[in-house]
């Protein structure tokens, strides 16, 4: 570690503070256009799908494809321990 005189130390601290301020300003300028926060922005217009005159009827599912929900297993109630 080098020993600095008081004026050299104060000069270095001023330089560090100046550099930190420049970094903060650059970061603020970078973040500002990103529109963070609770501000609402205009939604993108949705593309209109071309209307199709021919629509295919929905096919029914076969019995093998239709599955019922599996029954839920019930948790067994734990018995209280006897204290002897």
C-alpha atoms as a PDB file:
ATOM      1  CA  UNK A   1       0.000   0.000   0.000  1.00  0.00           C
ATOM      2  CA  UNK A   2       1.372   3.374  -0.952  1.00  0.00           C
ATOM      3  CA  UNK A   3       1.348   6.296   1.412  1.00  0.00           C
ATOM      4  CA  UNK A   4      -0.380   9.371   0.019  1.00  0.00           C
ATOM      5  CA  UNK A   5      -0.350  12.895   1.225  1.00  0.00           C
ATOM      6  CA  UNK A   6      -3.659  14.455   2.177  1.00  0.00           C
ATOM      7  CA  UNK A   7      -3.946  16.571  -0.991  1.00  0.00           C
ATOM      8  CA  UNK A   8      -3.217  13.508  -3.170  1.00  0.00           C
ATOM      9  CA  UNK A   9      -5.817  11.463  -1.295  1.00  0.00           C
ATOM     10  CA  UNK A  10      -8.461  14.198  -1.632  1.00  0.00           C
ATOM     11  CA  UNK A  11      -7.668  14.541  -5.326  1.00  0.00           C
ATOM     12  CA  UNK A  12      -8.103  10.770  -5.841  1.00  0.00           C
ATOM     13  CA  UNK A  13     -11.432  10.825  -3.969  1.00  0.00           C
ATOM     14  CA  UNK A  14     -12.700  13.706  -6.136  1.00  0.00           C
ATOM     15  CA  UNK A  15     -11.674  11.758  -9.237  1.00  0.00           C
ATOM     16  CA  UNK A  16     -13.519   8.618  -8.016  1.00  0.00           C
ATOM     17  CA  UNK A  17     -16.642  10.649  -7.239  1.00  0.00           C
ATOM     18  CA  UNK A  18     -16.537  12.257 -10.701  1.00  0.00           C
ATOM     19  CA  UNK A  19     -16.164   8.882 -12.405  1.00  0.00           C
ATOM     20  CA  UNK A  20     -19.030   7.420 -10.383  1.00  0.00           C
ATOM     21  CA  UNK A  21     -21.270  10.366 -11.310  1.00  0.00           C
ATOM     22  CA  UNK A  22     -20.508   9.896 -15.017  1.00  0.00           C
ATOM     23  CA  UNK A  23     -21.328   6.175 -14.745  1.00  0.00           C
ATOM     24  CA  UNK A  24     -24.641   6.954 -12.994  1.00  0.00           C
ATOM     25  CA  UNK A  25     -25.627   9.435 -15.713  1.00  0.00           C
ATOM     26  CA  UNK A  26     -24.745   6.988 -18.494  1.00  0.00           C
ATOM     27  CA  UNK A  27     -26.762   4.234 -16.792  1.00  0.00           C
ATOM     28  CA  UNK A  28     -29.748   6.557 -16.308  1.00  0.00           C
ATOM     29  CA  UNK A  29     -29.629   7.564 -19.969  1.00  0.00           C
ATOM     30  CA  UNK A  30     -29.539   3.897 -20.981  1.00  0.00           C
ATOM     31  CA  UNK A  31     -32.425   2.837 -18.716  1.00  0.00           C
ATOM     32  CA  UNK A  32     -34.758   5.779 -19.353  1.00  0.00           C
ATOM     33  CA  UNK A  33     -35.948   4.762 -22.857  1.00  0.00           C
ATOM     34  CA  UNK A  34     -36.791   1.230 -21.707  1.00  0.00           C
ATOM     35  CA  UNK A  35     -40.107   2.470 -20.199  1.00  0.00           C
ATOM     36  CA  UNK A  36     -39.863   0.566 -16.941  1.00  0.00           C
ATOM     37  CA  UNK A  37     -42.465   0.990 -14.270  1.00  0.00           C
ATOM     38  CA  UNK A  38     -46.217   1.162 -14.215  1.00  0.00           C
ATOM     39  CA  UNK A  39     -46.627   3.185 -17.365  1.00  0.00           C
ATOM     40  CA  UNK A  40     -48.912   1.687 -19.957  1.00  0.00           C
ATOM     41  CA  UNK A  41     -47.651   1.450 -23.475  1.00  0.00           C
ATOM     42  CA  UNK A  42     -49.662   1.155 -26.648  1.00  0.00           C
ATOM     43  CA  UNK A  43     -50.447  -2.437 -27.556  1.00  0.00           C
ATOM     44  CA  UNK A  44     -49.262  -3.818 -30.835  1.00  0.00           C
ATOM     45  CA  UNK A  45     -52.109  -4.176 -33.355  1.00  0.00           C
ATOM     46  CA  UNK A  46     -53.108  -7.794 -33.898  1.00  0.00           C
ATOM     47  CA  UNK A  47     -52.781  -9.206 -37.367  1.00  0.00           C
ATOM     48  CA  UNK A  48     -56.135  -9.995 -38.910  1.00  0.00           C
ATOM     49  CA  UNK A  49     -56.472 -13.592 -39.981  1.00  0.00           C
ATOM     50  CA  UNK A  50     -58.014 -14.146 -43.401  1.00  0.00           C
ATOM     51  CA  UNK A  51     -61.577 -15.424 -43.121  1.00  0.00           C
ATOM     52  CA  UNK A  52     -61.847 -18.973 -44.389  1.00  0.00           C
ATOM     53  CA  UNK A  53     -65.163 -20.054 -45.877  1.00  0.00           C
ATOM     54  CA  UNK A  54     -64.377 -23.741 -45.545  1.00  0.00           C
ATOM     55  CA  UNK A  55     -64.254 -24.874 -41.950  1.00  0.00           C
ATOM     56  CA  UNK A  56     -63.643 -28.512 -41.145  1.00  0.00           C
ATOM     57  CA  UNK A  57     -66.109 -30.078 -38.700  1.00  0.00           C
ATOM     58  CA  UNK A  58     -64.589 -31.149 -35.415  1.00  0.00           C
ATOM     59  CA  UNK A  59     -64.019 -34.865 -35.179  1.00  0.00           C
ATOM     60  CA  UNK A  60     -65.185 -36.754 -32.125  1.00  0.00           C
ATOM     61  CA  UNK A  61     -62.618 -38.435 -29.977  1.00  0.00           C
ATOM     62  CA  UNK A  62     -62.611 -42.201 -29.981  1.00  0.00           C
ATOM     63  CA  UNK A  63     -63.221 -44.101 -26.767  1.00  0.00           C
ATOM     64  CA  UNK A  64     -59.576 -45.101 -26.550  1.00  0.00           C
ATOM     65  CA  UNK A  65     -58.456 -41.484 -26.648  1.00  0.00           C
ATOM     66  CA  UNK A  66     -60.914 -40.254 -24.041  1.00  0.00           C
ATOM     67  CA  UNK A  67     -59.515 -40.855 -20.584  1.00  0.00           C
ATOM     68  CA  UNK A  68     -61.031 -40.192 -17.235  1.00  0.00           C
ATOM     69  CA  UNK A  69     -59.164 -38.396 -14.519  1.00  0.00           C
ATOM     70  CA  UNK A  70     -57.365 -40.821 -12.221  1.00  0.00           C
ATOM     71  CA  UNK A  71     -58.988 -41.030  -8.811  1.00  0.00           C
ATOM     72  CA  UNK A  72     -57.081 -39.185  -6.152  1.00  0.00           C
ATOM     73  CA  UNK A  73     -55.574 -41.294  -3.414  1.00  0.00           C
ATOM     74  CA  UNK A  74     -56.761 -40.265   0.016  1.00  0.00           C
ATOM     75  CA  UNK A  75     -54.264 -39.743   2.754  1.00  0.00           C
ATOM     76  CA  UNK A  76     -54.711 -42.138   5.658  1.00  0.00           C
ATOM     77  CA  UNK A  77     -55.290 -40.497   8.989  1.00  0.00           C
ATOM     78  CA  UNK A  78     -52.420 -40.986  11.410  1.00  0.00           C
ATOM     79  CA  UNK A  79     -53.346 -42.347  14.807  1.00  0.00           C
ATOM     80  CA  UNK A  80     -52.346 -40.529  17.962  1.00  0.00           C
ATOM     81  CA  UNK A  81     -49.577 -42.186  19.955  1.00  0.00           C
ATOM     82  CA  UNK A  82     -50.263 -43.567  23.377  1.00  0.00           C
ATOM     83  CA  UNK A  83     -48.054 -42.092  26.034  1.00  0.00           C
ATOM     84  CA  UNK A  84     -47.122 -44.640  28.679  1.00  0.00           C
END
